[in-house]
N, C-alpha and C. Protein backbone atom coordinates (compact mmCIF):
# COMPACT_ATOMS: atom_id res chain seq x y z
N MET A 1 -78.69 51.12 -45.64
CA MET A 1 -78.61 51.26 -47.08
C MET A 1 -78.73 52.74 -47.43
N LYS A 2 -77.92 53.14 -48.42
CA LYS A 2 -77.97 54.51 -48.92
C LYS A 2 -77.97 54.46 -50.44
N SER A 3 -78.29 55.58 -51.05
CA SER A 3 -78.20 55.66 -52.50
C SER A 3 -76.78 56.06 -52.88
N LEU A 4 -76.37 55.69 -54.06
CA LEU A 4 -75.03 56.05 -54.52
C LEU A 4 -74.83 57.56 -54.50
N GLY A 5 -75.87 58.30 -54.84
CA GLY A 5 -75.78 59.76 -54.84
C GLY A 5 -75.52 60.35 -53.47
N GLU A 6 -75.88 59.62 -52.39
CA GLU A 6 -75.59 60.09 -51.04
C GLU A 6 -74.14 59.85 -50.66
N LEU A 7 -73.50 58.90 -51.33
CA LEU A 7 -72.14 58.49 -50.98
C LEU A 7 -71.07 59.11 -51.86
N ALA A 8 -71.46 59.51 -53.07
CA ALA A 8 -70.46 59.99 -54.02
C ALA A 8 -71.00 61.10 -54.90
N GLU A 9 -70.10 61.98 -55.28
CA GLU A 9 -70.42 62.97 -56.32
C GLU A 9 -70.18 62.26 -57.65
N ILE A 10 -71.09 62.39 -58.58
CA ILE A 10 -70.99 61.70 -59.87
C ILE A 10 -70.97 62.73 -60.99
N LYS A 11 -69.93 62.65 -61.83
CA LYS A 11 -69.80 63.55 -62.98
C LYS A 11 -69.50 62.72 -64.22
N SER A 12 -69.74 63.31 -65.37
CA SER A 12 -69.36 62.68 -66.63
C SER A 12 -67.86 62.80 -66.82
N GLY A 13 -67.30 61.84 -67.57
CA GLY A 13 -65.89 61.92 -67.92
C GLY A 13 -65.61 63.08 -68.86
N TYR A 14 -64.36 63.25 -69.20
CA TYR A 14 -63.93 64.39 -70.02
C TYR A 14 -64.39 64.21 -71.47
N LEU A 15 -65.01 65.24 -72.02
CA LEU A 15 -65.53 65.20 -73.38
C LEU A 15 -64.49 65.75 -74.36
N PHE A 16 -64.05 64.86 -75.25
CA PHE A 16 -63.17 65.28 -76.34
C PHE A 16 -64.05 65.57 -77.54
N LYS A 17 -63.83 66.69 -78.18
CA LYS A 17 -64.62 67.03 -79.37
C LYS A 17 -63.98 66.33 -80.56
N GLY A 18 -64.71 65.40 -81.16
CA GLY A 18 -64.18 64.66 -82.30
C GLY A 18 -63.30 63.51 -81.84
N ALA A 19 -62.43 63.08 -82.74
CA ALA A 19 -61.55 61.95 -82.46
C ALA A 19 -60.55 62.31 -81.37
N LEU A 20 -60.12 61.31 -80.64
CA LEU A 20 -59.14 61.51 -79.57
C LEU A 20 -57.84 62.02 -80.19
N PRO A 21 -57.35 63.19 -79.77
CA PRO A 21 -56.13 63.76 -80.35
C PRO A 21 -54.87 63.12 -79.75
N VAL A 22 -54.59 61.89 -80.13
CA VAL A 22 -53.49 61.12 -79.54
C VAL A 22 -52.16 61.81 -79.80
N ASP A 23 -51.37 61.90 -78.74
CA ASP A 23 -50.03 62.47 -78.80
C ASP A 23 -49.16 61.61 -77.88
N PRO A 24 -48.36 60.69 -78.46
CA PRO A 24 -47.57 59.76 -77.63
C PRO A 24 -46.71 60.45 -76.57
N SER A 25 -46.34 61.70 -76.80
CA SER A 25 -45.53 62.42 -75.80
C SER A 25 -46.40 63.33 -74.93
N GLY A 26 -47.72 63.15 -75.01
CA GLY A 26 -48.64 63.98 -74.24
C GLY A 26 -48.51 63.79 -72.74
N ASP A 27 -48.98 64.78 -72.01
CA ASP A 27 -48.87 64.79 -70.54
C ASP A 27 -50.00 64.04 -69.84
N VAL A 28 -51.05 63.69 -70.58
CA VAL A 28 -52.27 63.17 -69.95
C VAL A 28 -52.61 61.79 -70.51
N ALA A 29 -52.84 60.83 -69.61
CA ALA A 29 -53.33 59.50 -70.00
C ALA A 29 -54.85 59.56 -70.07
N VAL A 30 -55.43 58.92 -71.08
CA VAL A 30 -56.88 58.92 -71.24
C VAL A 30 -57.39 57.49 -71.12
N VAL A 31 -58.22 57.24 -70.12
CA VAL A 31 -58.80 55.92 -69.92
C VAL A 31 -59.97 55.78 -70.89
N GLN A 32 -59.94 54.67 -71.66
CA GLN A 32 -61.01 54.36 -72.60
C GLN A 32 -61.52 52.95 -72.29
N ILE A 33 -62.73 52.67 -72.68
CA ILE A 33 -63.33 51.35 -72.43
C ILE A 33 -62.43 50.23 -72.94
N LYS A 34 -61.85 50.40 -74.11
CA LYS A 34 -61.06 49.34 -74.73
C LYS A 34 -59.82 48.97 -73.91
N ASP A 35 -59.42 49.85 -73.00
CA ASP A 35 -58.22 49.60 -72.18
C ASP A 35 -58.50 48.79 -70.93
N LEU A 36 -59.77 48.49 -70.65
CA LEU A 36 -60.13 47.91 -69.36
C LEU A 36 -60.73 46.52 -69.47
N GLN A 37 -60.50 45.74 -68.45
CA GLN A 37 -61.13 44.43 -68.27
C GLN A 37 -61.88 44.47 -66.95
N ALA A 38 -63.05 43.87 -66.93
CA ALA A 38 -63.84 43.83 -65.69
C ALA A 38 -63.01 43.20 -64.57
N ARG A 39 -63.10 43.79 -63.39
CA ARG A 39 -62.47 43.30 -62.17
C ARG A 39 -60.95 43.38 -62.18
N GLU A 40 -60.36 44.05 -63.14
CA GLU A 40 -58.91 44.21 -63.19
C GLU A 40 -58.55 45.66 -62.87
N SER A 41 -57.32 45.86 -62.43
CA SER A 41 -56.84 47.22 -62.18
C SER A 41 -56.64 47.94 -63.52
N ILE A 42 -56.64 49.23 -63.47
CA ILE A 42 -56.42 50.03 -64.67
C ILE A 42 -54.94 49.94 -65.05
N ALA A 43 -54.67 49.57 -66.30
CA ALA A 43 -53.30 49.49 -66.80
C ALA A 43 -52.95 50.85 -67.41
N TRP A 44 -52.43 51.74 -66.59
CA TRP A 44 -52.17 53.12 -67.03
C TRP A 44 -51.23 53.17 -68.22
N SER A 45 -50.28 52.24 -68.30
CA SER A 45 -49.31 52.26 -69.40
C SER A 45 -49.95 51.97 -70.75
N LYS A 46 -51.13 51.36 -70.76
CA LYS A 46 -51.82 51.04 -72.01
C LYS A 46 -52.72 52.18 -72.49
N CYS A 47 -52.92 53.16 -71.65
CA CYS A 47 -53.83 54.27 -72.01
C CYS A 47 -53.19 55.18 -73.06
N ALA A 48 -54.02 55.66 -73.98
CA ALA A 48 -53.57 56.65 -74.97
C ALA A 48 -53.17 57.92 -74.23
N ARG A 49 -52.28 58.68 -74.84
CA ARG A 49 -51.84 59.93 -74.24
C ARG A 49 -52.23 61.09 -75.14
N VAL A 50 -52.54 62.22 -74.50
CA VAL A 50 -52.90 63.44 -75.22
C VAL A 50 -52.21 64.62 -74.55
N ALA A 51 -52.14 65.72 -75.28
CA ALA A 51 -51.63 66.96 -74.68
C ALA A 51 -52.69 67.50 -73.72
N LYS A 52 -52.24 68.15 -72.67
CA LYS A 52 -53.18 68.69 -71.69
C LYS A 52 -54.03 69.78 -72.33
N GLY A 53 -55.34 69.65 -72.12
CA GLY A 53 -56.28 70.60 -72.71
C GLY A 53 -57.00 71.42 -71.66
N ARG A 54 -57.90 72.25 -72.14
CA ARG A 54 -58.68 73.12 -71.25
C ARG A 54 -59.55 72.29 -70.31
N MET A 55 -59.65 72.75 -69.11
CA MET A 55 -60.53 72.18 -68.08
C MET A 55 -60.20 70.73 -67.71
N MET A 56 -59.04 70.24 -68.08
CA MET A 56 -58.68 68.88 -67.70
C MET A 56 -58.40 68.75 -66.22
N ASP A 57 -57.95 69.84 -65.58
CA ASP A 57 -57.67 69.77 -64.14
C ASP A 57 -58.92 69.35 -63.37
N GLU A 58 -60.08 69.86 -63.79
CA GLU A 58 -61.34 69.51 -63.12
C GLU A 58 -61.71 68.04 -63.31
N ALA A 59 -61.24 67.44 -64.40
CA ALA A 59 -61.58 66.05 -64.72
C ALA A 59 -60.49 65.07 -64.29
N ARG A 60 -59.44 65.57 -63.67
CA ARG A 60 -58.30 64.72 -63.30
C ARG A 60 -58.72 63.61 -62.35
N LEU A 61 -58.26 62.40 -62.66
CA LEU A 61 -58.54 61.24 -61.81
C LEU A 61 -57.54 61.19 -60.66
N ARG A 62 -58.04 60.82 -59.50
CA ARG A 62 -57.22 60.73 -58.29
C ARG A 62 -57.44 59.38 -57.61
N ARG A 63 -56.47 59.01 -56.81
CA ARG A 63 -56.59 57.78 -56.02
C ARG A 63 -57.85 57.87 -55.17
N GLY A 64 -58.60 56.75 -55.11
CA GLY A 64 -59.82 56.70 -54.31
C GLY A 64 -61.08 56.99 -55.10
N MET A 65 -60.93 57.52 -56.31
CA MET A 65 -62.10 57.74 -57.17
C MET A 65 -62.50 56.42 -57.83
N LEU A 66 -63.68 56.41 -58.43
CA LEU A 66 -64.13 55.28 -59.24
C LEU A 66 -64.49 55.80 -60.61
N ILE A 67 -64.31 54.94 -61.62
CA ILE A 67 -64.85 55.25 -62.94
C ILE A 67 -65.84 54.14 -63.27
N PHE A 68 -66.87 54.51 -64.01
CA PHE A 68 -67.98 53.60 -64.31
C PHE A 68 -68.29 53.71 -65.80
N SER A 69 -68.28 52.58 -66.49
CA SER A 69 -68.59 52.58 -67.92
C SER A 69 -70.10 52.73 -68.09
N ALA A 70 -70.51 53.88 -68.58
CA ALA A 70 -71.93 54.23 -68.61
C ALA A 70 -72.65 53.86 -69.89
N LYS A 71 -71.91 53.57 -70.94
CA LYS A 71 -72.53 53.28 -72.22
C LYS A 71 -72.21 51.85 -72.65
N GLY A 72 -73.15 51.25 -73.38
CA GLY A 72 -72.94 49.89 -73.86
C GLY A 72 -73.49 48.87 -72.89
N THR A 73 -73.10 47.62 -73.09
CA THR A 73 -73.64 46.52 -72.28
C THR A 73 -72.73 46.09 -71.14
N ARG A 74 -71.54 46.64 -71.08
CA ARG A 74 -70.60 46.30 -70.01
C ARG A 74 -70.49 47.48 -69.05
N ASN A 75 -71.36 47.52 -68.07
CA ASN A 75 -71.43 48.67 -67.15
C ASN A 75 -70.77 48.32 -65.82
N PHE A 76 -69.46 48.39 -65.81
CA PHE A 76 -68.69 48.03 -64.63
C PHE A 76 -68.06 49.26 -63.99
N ALA A 77 -67.65 49.08 -62.74
CA ALA A 77 -66.94 50.13 -62.01
C ALA A 77 -65.52 49.67 -61.72
N TRP A 78 -64.60 50.61 -61.75
CA TRP A 78 -63.21 50.37 -61.39
C TRP A 78 -62.81 51.42 -60.37
N HIS A 79 -62.15 50.97 -59.31
CA HIS A 79 -61.67 51.98 -58.36
C HIS A 79 -60.20 52.27 -58.69
N ILE A 80 -59.81 53.49 -58.46
CA ILE A 80 -58.45 53.92 -58.77
C ILE A 80 -57.64 53.71 -57.50
N ASP A 81 -56.80 52.67 -57.53
CA ASP A 81 -56.10 52.26 -56.32
C ASP A 81 -54.71 52.87 -56.18
N VAL A 82 -54.22 53.52 -57.22
CA VAL A 82 -52.92 54.22 -57.15
C VAL A 82 -53.12 55.62 -57.71
N GLU A 83 -52.30 56.53 -57.28
CA GLU A 83 -52.40 57.91 -57.79
C GLU A 83 -51.77 57.95 -59.19
N PRO A 84 -52.57 58.16 -60.24
CA PRO A 84 -51.99 58.24 -61.58
C PRO A 84 -51.25 59.56 -61.75
N GLU A 85 -50.27 59.59 -62.67
CA GLU A 85 -49.53 60.84 -62.91
C GLU A 85 -50.50 61.96 -63.25
N PHE A 86 -51.14 61.90 -64.37
CA PHE A 86 -52.22 62.82 -64.75
C PHE A 86 -53.06 62.05 -65.73
N ALA A 87 -54.30 61.81 -65.37
CA ALA A 87 -55.18 61.01 -66.22
C ALA A 87 -56.60 61.54 -66.14
N VAL A 88 -57.34 61.30 -67.22
CA VAL A 88 -58.77 61.60 -67.27
C VAL A 88 -59.46 60.38 -67.88
N ALA A 89 -60.73 60.24 -67.59
CA ALA A 89 -61.56 59.21 -68.23
C ALA A 89 -62.34 59.91 -69.33
N ASN A 90 -62.51 59.23 -70.47
CA ASN A 90 -63.28 59.88 -71.54
C ASN A 90 -64.76 59.91 -71.18
N SER A 91 -65.55 60.52 -72.02
CA SER A 91 -66.96 60.78 -71.69
C SER A 91 -67.86 59.55 -71.73
N LEU A 92 -67.32 58.38 -72.05
CA LEU A 92 -68.11 57.15 -71.96
C LEU A 92 -68.19 56.66 -70.51
N PHE A 93 -67.48 57.34 -69.63
CA PHE A 93 -67.46 56.99 -68.22
C PHE A 93 -68.17 58.06 -67.39
N HIS A 94 -68.64 57.62 -66.23
CA HIS A 94 -69.01 58.54 -65.16
C HIS A 94 -67.92 58.38 -64.10
N VAL A 95 -67.58 59.47 -63.45
CA VAL A 95 -66.52 59.48 -62.45
C VAL A 95 -67.14 59.76 -61.09
N PHE A 96 -66.81 58.90 -60.11
CA PHE A 96 -67.35 59.04 -58.76
C PHE A 96 -66.25 59.55 -57.83
N THR A 97 -66.55 60.58 -57.09
CA THR A 97 -65.68 61.04 -56.02
C THR A 97 -66.39 60.72 -54.71
N ILE A 98 -65.81 59.82 -53.94
CA ILE A 98 -66.43 59.39 -52.68
C ILE A 98 -66.44 60.56 -51.70
N ARG A 99 -67.59 60.78 -51.10
CA ARG A 99 -67.69 61.87 -50.13
C ARG A 99 -68.17 61.38 -48.77
N SER A 100 -68.04 60.09 -48.53
CA SER A 100 -68.45 59.51 -47.25
C SER A 100 -67.37 58.56 -46.77
N GLU A 101 -67.04 58.65 -45.50
CA GLU A 101 -66.06 57.73 -44.92
C GLU A 101 -66.70 56.39 -44.57
N GLN A 102 -68.01 56.27 -44.80
CA GLN A 102 -68.72 55.02 -44.51
C GLN A 102 -68.46 53.94 -45.56
N ILE A 103 -67.89 54.33 -46.71
CA ILE A 103 -67.75 53.37 -47.80
C ILE A 103 -66.32 53.35 -48.32
N ASP A 104 -65.78 52.15 -48.50
CA ASP A 104 -64.45 51.97 -49.08
C ASP A 104 -64.58 51.95 -50.60
N PRO A 105 -63.76 52.69 -51.33
CA PRO A 105 -63.89 52.74 -52.79
C PRO A 105 -63.79 51.37 -53.47
N ALA A 106 -62.86 50.53 -53.02
CA ALA A 106 -62.72 49.20 -53.63
C ALA A 106 -63.97 48.35 -53.37
N PHE A 107 -64.52 48.45 -52.18
CA PHE A 107 -65.75 47.72 -51.86
C PHE A 107 -66.91 48.23 -52.70
N LEU A 108 -66.99 49.54 -52.87
CA LEU A 108 -68.08 50.12 -53.66
C LEU A 108 -68.00 49.63 -55.11
N ALA A 109 -66.80 49.63 -55.69
CA ALA A 109 -66.65 49.11 -57.06
C ALA A 109 -67.07 47.65 -57.11
N TRP A 110 -66.62 46.87 -56.13
CA TRP A 110 -66.99 45.44 -56.09
C TRP A 110 -68.51 45.28 -56.04
N GLN A 111 -69.17 46.06 -55.16
CA GLN A 111 -70.62 45.94 -55.01
C GLN A 111 -71.35 46.32 -56.31
N ILE A 112 -70.91 47.37 -56.97
CA ILE A 112 -71.54 47.78 -58.23
C ILE A 112 -71.40 46.70 -59.29
N ASN A 113 -70.32 45.94 -59.23
CA ASN A 113 -70.07 44.90 -60.23
C ASN A 113 -70.77 43.57 -59.93
N GLN A 114 -71.47 43.49 -58.81
CA GLN A 114 -72.18 42.26 -58.44
C GLN A 114 -73.50 42.14 -59.20
N PRO A 115 -73.98 40.89 -59.40
CA PRO A 115 -75.21 40.67 -60.19
C PRO A 115 -76.42 41.50 -59.74
N LYS A 116 -76.60 41.68 -58.43
CA LYS A 116 -77.78 42.43 -57.96
C LYS A 116 -77.74 43.87 -58.46
N ALA A 117 -76.61 44.53 -58.30
CA ALA A 117 -76.48 45.92 -58.77
C ALA A 117 -76.52 45.98 -60.30
N GLN A 118 -75.91 44.99 -60.95
CA GLN A 118 -75.92 44.96 -62.41
C GLN A 118 -77.34 44.83 -62.96
N ALA A 119 -78.17 44.02 -62.30
CA ALA A 119 -79.58 43.89 -62.71
C ALA A 119 -80.30 45.22 -62.52
N TRP A 120 -80.04 45.90 -61.41
CA TRP A 120 -80.66 47.20 -61.16
C TRP A 120 -80.25 48.19 -62.25
N LEU A 121 -78.97 48.19 -62.59
CA LEU A 121 -78.46 49.11 -63.62
C LEU A 121 -79.09 48.82 -64.98
N GLU A 122 -79.26 47.55 -65.29
CA GLU A 122 -79.88 47.19 -66.57
C GLU A 122 -81.30 47.73 -66.64
N ASN A 123 -82.04 47.60 -65.54
CA ASN A 123 -83.41 48.13 -65.50
C ASN A 123 -83.45 49.65 -65.57
N ALA A 124 -82.42 50.31 -65.06
CA ALA A 124 -82.39 51.77 -65.03
C ALA A 124 -81.82 52.39 -66.30
N SER A 125 -81.32 51.54 -67.20
CA SER A 125 -80.66 52.07 -68.39
C SER A 125 -81.67 52.63 -69.39
N ALA A 126 -81.17 53.52 -70.22
CA ALA A 126 -81.98 54.14 -71.28
C ALA A 126 -81.29 53.85 -72.60
N GLY A 127 -81.99 54.11 -73.68
CA GLY A 127 -81.40 53.95 -75.00
C GLY A 127 -81.92 52.73 -75.71
N VAL A 128 -82.12 52.86 -77.00
CA VAL A 128 -82.64 51.76 -77.80
C VAL A 128 -81.51 51.02 -78.49
N THR A 129 -80.66 51.73 -79.22
CA THR A 129 -79.58 51.06 -79.93
C THR A 129 -78.33 50.91 -79.07
N VAL A 130 -78.02 51.91 -78.27
CA VAL A 130 -76.88 51.84 -77.36
C VAL A 130 -77.38 52.12 -75.95
N ARG A 131 -77.16 51.15 -75.07
CA ARG A 131 -77.60 51.32 -73.69
C ARG A 131 -76.78 52.41 -73.01
N ASN A 132 -77.45 53.23 -72.21
CA ASN A 132 -76.81 54.36 -71.54
C ASN A 132 -77.39 54.47 -70.13
N ILE A 133 -76.51 54.64 -69.16
CA ILE A 133 -76.97 54.83 -67.79
C ILE A 133 -76.70 56.27 -67.41
N LYS A 134 -77.77 57.01 -67.23
CA LYS A 134 -77.66 58.44 -66.93
C LYS A 134 -77.29 58.65 -65.47
N ILE A 135 -76.61 59.75 -65.21
CA ILE A 135 -76.23 60.10 -63.84
C ILE A 135 -77.47 60.22 -62.97
N SER A 136 -78.53 60.80 -63.50
CA SER A 136 -79.75 60.98 -62.71
C SER A 136 -80.31 59.65 -62.23
N ALA A 137 -80.16 58.58 -63.01
CA ALA A 137 -80.60 57.25 -62.58
C ALA A 137 -79.58 56.62 -61.63
N LEU A 138 -78.32 56.76 -61.97
CA LEU A 138 -77.24 56.15 -61.20
C LEU A 138 -77.23 56.62 -59.75
N LYS A 139 -77.60 57.86 -59.53
CA LYS A 139 -77.63 58.41 -58.17
C LYS A 139 -78.56 57.63 -57.24
N HIS A 140 -79.53 56.92 -57.82
CA HIS A 140 -80.51 56.19 -57.01
C HIS A 140 -80.14 54.73 -56.78
N LEU A 141 -78.99 54.28 -57.30
CA LEU A 141 -78.56 52.89 -57.10
C LEU A 141 -78.43 52.62 -55.60
N PRO A 142 -79.17 51.62 -55.07
CA PRO A 142 -79.06 51.32 -53.64
C PRO A 142 -77.73 50.64 -53.31
N ILE A 143 -77.08 51.11 -52.27
CA ILE A 143 -75.79 50.58 -51.83
C ILE A 143 -75.91 50.11 -50.39
N ILE A 144 -75.53 48.86 -50.16
CA ILE A 144 -75.48 48.29 -48.81
C ILE A 144 -74.17 48.73 -48.17
N ILE A 145 -74.23 49.14 -46.91
CA ILE A 145 -73.03 49.63 -46.23
C ILE A 145 -72.77 48.79 -44.98
N PRO A 146 -72.02 47.68 -45.12
CA PRO A 146 -71.64 46.93 -43.92
C PRO A 146 -70.55 47.69 -43.16
N PRO A 147 -70.18 47.22 -41.97
CA PRO A 147 -69.09 47.87 -41.23
C PRO A 147 -67.83 47.95 -42.10
N ILE A 148 -67.06 48.99 -41.92
CA ILE A 148 -65.88 49.23 -42.76
C ILE A 148 -64.90 48.06 -42.72
N GLU A 149 -64.80 47.37 -41.57
CA GLU A 149 -63.89 46.23 -41.46
C GLU A 149 -64.30 45.14 -42.45
N GLU A 150 -65.60 44.89 -42.57
CA GLU A 150 -66.09 43.89 -43.53
C GLU A 150 -65.82 44.35 -44.96
N GLN A 151 -66.02 45.62 -45.22
CA GLN A 151 -65.76 46.14 -46.56
C GLN A 151 -64.30 45.92 -46.95
N LEU A 152 -63.39 46.20 -46.02
CA LEU A 152 -61.96 46.05 -46.30
C LEU A 152 -61.60 44.59 -46.53
N LYS A 153 -62.24 43.67 -45.79
CA LYS A 153 -62.00 42.23 -46.00
C LYS A 153 -62.46 41.81 -47.40
N VAL A 154 -63.66 42.24 -47.78
CA VAL A 154 -64.18 41.90 -49.11
C VAL A 154 -63.24 42.44 -50.19
N ALA A 155 -62.80 43.68 -50.05
CA ALA A 155 -61.90 44.28 -51.03
C ALA A 155 -60.58 43.50 -51.10
N ALA A 156 -60.07 43.06 -49.96
CA ALA A 156 -58.83 42.28 -49.94
C ALA A 156 -59.03 40.92 -50.59
N TYR A 157 -60.16 40.26 -50.31
CA TYR A 157 -60.46 38.98 -50.96
C TYR A 157 -60.56 39.14 -52.47
N GLU A 158 -61.22 40.19 -52.91
CA GLU A 158 -61.36 40.44 -54.35
C GLU A 158 -59.99 40.65 -54.99
N SER A 159 -59.14 41.43 -54.33
CA SER A 159 -57.80 41.69 -54.85
C SER A 159 -56.99 40.39 -54.93
N ALA A 160 -57.09 39.56 -53.89
CA ALA A 160 -56.38 38.27 -53.88
C ALA A 160 -56.91 37.35 -54.98
N ALA A 161 -58.23 37.33 -55.15
CA ALA A 161 -58.82 36.48 -56.20
C ALA A 161 -58.34 36.90 -57.58
N MET A 162 -58.24 38.20 -57.80
CA MET A 162 -57.78 38.68 -59.11
C MET A 162 -56.30 38.38 -59.31
N ALA A 163 -55.49 38.45 -58.26
CA ALA A 163 -54.07 38.09 -58.36
C ALA A 163 -53.93 36.61 -58.69
N GLU A 164 -54.74 35.77 -58.04
CA GLU A 164 -54.73 34.33 -58.34
C GLU A 164 -55.14 34.08 -59.78
N LYS A 165 -56.15 34.78 -60.24
CA LYS A 165 -56.62 34.61 -61.62
C LYS A 165 -55.52 34.98 -62.61
N ARG A 166 -54.83 36.10 -62.36
CA ARG A 166 -53.74 36.51 -63.25
C ARG A 166 -52.63 35.47 -63.28
N ALA A 167 -52.29 34.92 -62.10
CA ALA A 167 -51.25 33.89 -62.03
C ALA A 167 -51.66 32.64 -62.79
N LEU A 168 -52.91 32.21 -62.60
CA LEU A 168 -53.40 31.03 -63.31
C LEU A 168 -53.46 31.26 -64.82
N MET A 169 -53.89 32.44 -65.23
CA MET A 169 -53.95 32.74 -66.67
C MET A 169 -52.54 32.75 -67.28
N ALA A 170 -51.55 33.23 -66.52
CA ALA A 170 -50.17 33.22 -67.01
C ALA A 170 -49.67 31.78 -67.15
N LEU A 171 -50.02 30.92 -66.19
CA LEU A 171 -49.64 29.50 -66.30
C LEU A 171 -50.29 28.84 -67.50
N ILE A 172 -51.56 29.12 -67.72
CA ILE A 172 -52.28 28.55 -68.87
C ILE A 172 -51.64 29.03 -70.17
N ALA A 173 -51.35 30.32 -70.26
CA ALA A 173 -50.73 30.87 -71.47
C ALA A 173 -49.37 30.23 -71.72
N ASN A 174 -48.60 30.02 -70.65
CA ASN A 174 -47.30 29.38 -70.78
C ASN A 174 -47.45 27.94 -71.26
N ARG A 175 -48.41 27.21 -70.70
CA ARG A 175 -48.64 25.82 -71.12
C ARG A 175 -49.06 25.76 -72.59
N GLU A 176 -49.91 26.67 -73.01
CA GLU A 176 -50.34 26.70 -74.41
C GLU A 176 -49.16 26.99 -75.34
N LYS A 177 -48.26 27.87 -74.92
CA LYS A 177 -47.06 28.17 -75.70
C LYS A 177 -46.18 26.93 -75.81
N GLU A 178 -46.01 26.20 -74.70
CA GLU A 178 -45.24 24.96 -74.72
C GLU A 178 -45.86 23.94 -75.66
N MET A 179 -47.19 23.84 -75.62
CA MET A 179 -47.88 22.87 -76.47
C MET A 179 -47.75 23.24 -77.96
N ARG A 180 -47.78 24.52 -78.28
CA ARG A 180 -47.59 24.94 -79.68
C ARG A 180 -46.17 24.62 -80.14
N ALA A 181 -45.19 24.84 -79.28
CA ALA A 181 -43.80 24.53 -79.62
C ALA A 181 -43.63 23.02 -79.80
N LEU A 182 -44.25 22.24 -78.92
CA LEU A 182 -44.19 20.79 -79.03
C LEU A 182 -44.84 20.32 -80.33
N ALA A 183 -46.00 20.88 -80.64
CA ALA A 183 -46.70 20.51 -81.87
C ALA A 183 -45.87 20.87 -83.09
N ALA A 184 -45.24 22.04 -83.08
CA ALA A 184 -44.41 22.45 -84.21
C ALA A 184 -43.25 21.49 -84.42
N THR A 185 -42.65 21.06 -83.32
CA THR A 185 -41.53 20.12 -83.41
C THR A 185 -41.99 18.76 -83.93
N ILE A 186 -43.03 18.21 -83.31
CA ILE A 186 -43.51 16.88 -83.69
C ILE A 186 -44.06 16.87 -85.11
N LEU A 187 -44.84 17.85 -85.46
CA LEU A 187 -45.48 17.87 -86.77
C LEU A 187 -44.53 18.24 -87.90
N SER A 188 -43.34 18.72 -87.56
CA SER A 188 -42.34 18.99 -88.60
C SER A 188 -41.51 17.75 -88.88
N GLY A 189 -41.72 16.69 -88.08
CA GLY A 189 -40.98 15.44 -88.28
C GLY A 189 -39.60 15.46 -87.68
N LYS A 190 -39.29 16.42 -86.84
CA LYS A 190 -37.96 16.55 -86.25
C LYS A 190 -37.91 16.02 -84.83
N THR A 191 -38.55 14.89 -84.57
CA THR A 191 -38.52 14.34 -83.21
C THR A 191 -37.28 13.49 -83.04
N SER A 192 -36.85 13.31 -81.80
CA SER A 192 -35.64 12.52 -81.54
C SER A 192 -35.98 11.12 -81.15
């Protein structure tokens, strides 16, 4: 077992002064909490875009990094599984750069999202009105490190489970659409 701080460098996301300066033709995608669902991949196409600003190169997200929602009650981690064109996470996130070959990024995100780590994070959080997990506390999160082969299996199982969930949700949505169409037809009195 190691602490998260031993496995990853942890920094705050990019701080925008004031409201997000959205520019649909901007060069940079900005990941925000509202764009994410727990246990799902980051949908880069849904991210707001901004013009490239000062010091954004230092905050650029890369494949293999993790982002962690540090504020509020939904404190989840997402691993970046594809190289984004140019993206940053806003300051509501902490960004992890893995510095150990002992840990797979997808496995680390999965472990952080498990109930045991979530309970630890809840106990380590600060703030009265808005919960906040400080980097200084996050560095002490205990991380179990099984053999890399096991980590890769767990990450693959998680990915498969999420793909199955998306497929099932699409089937459910399709069935609900069919039922609404059927109801509209029957309730309009236009049955054959």
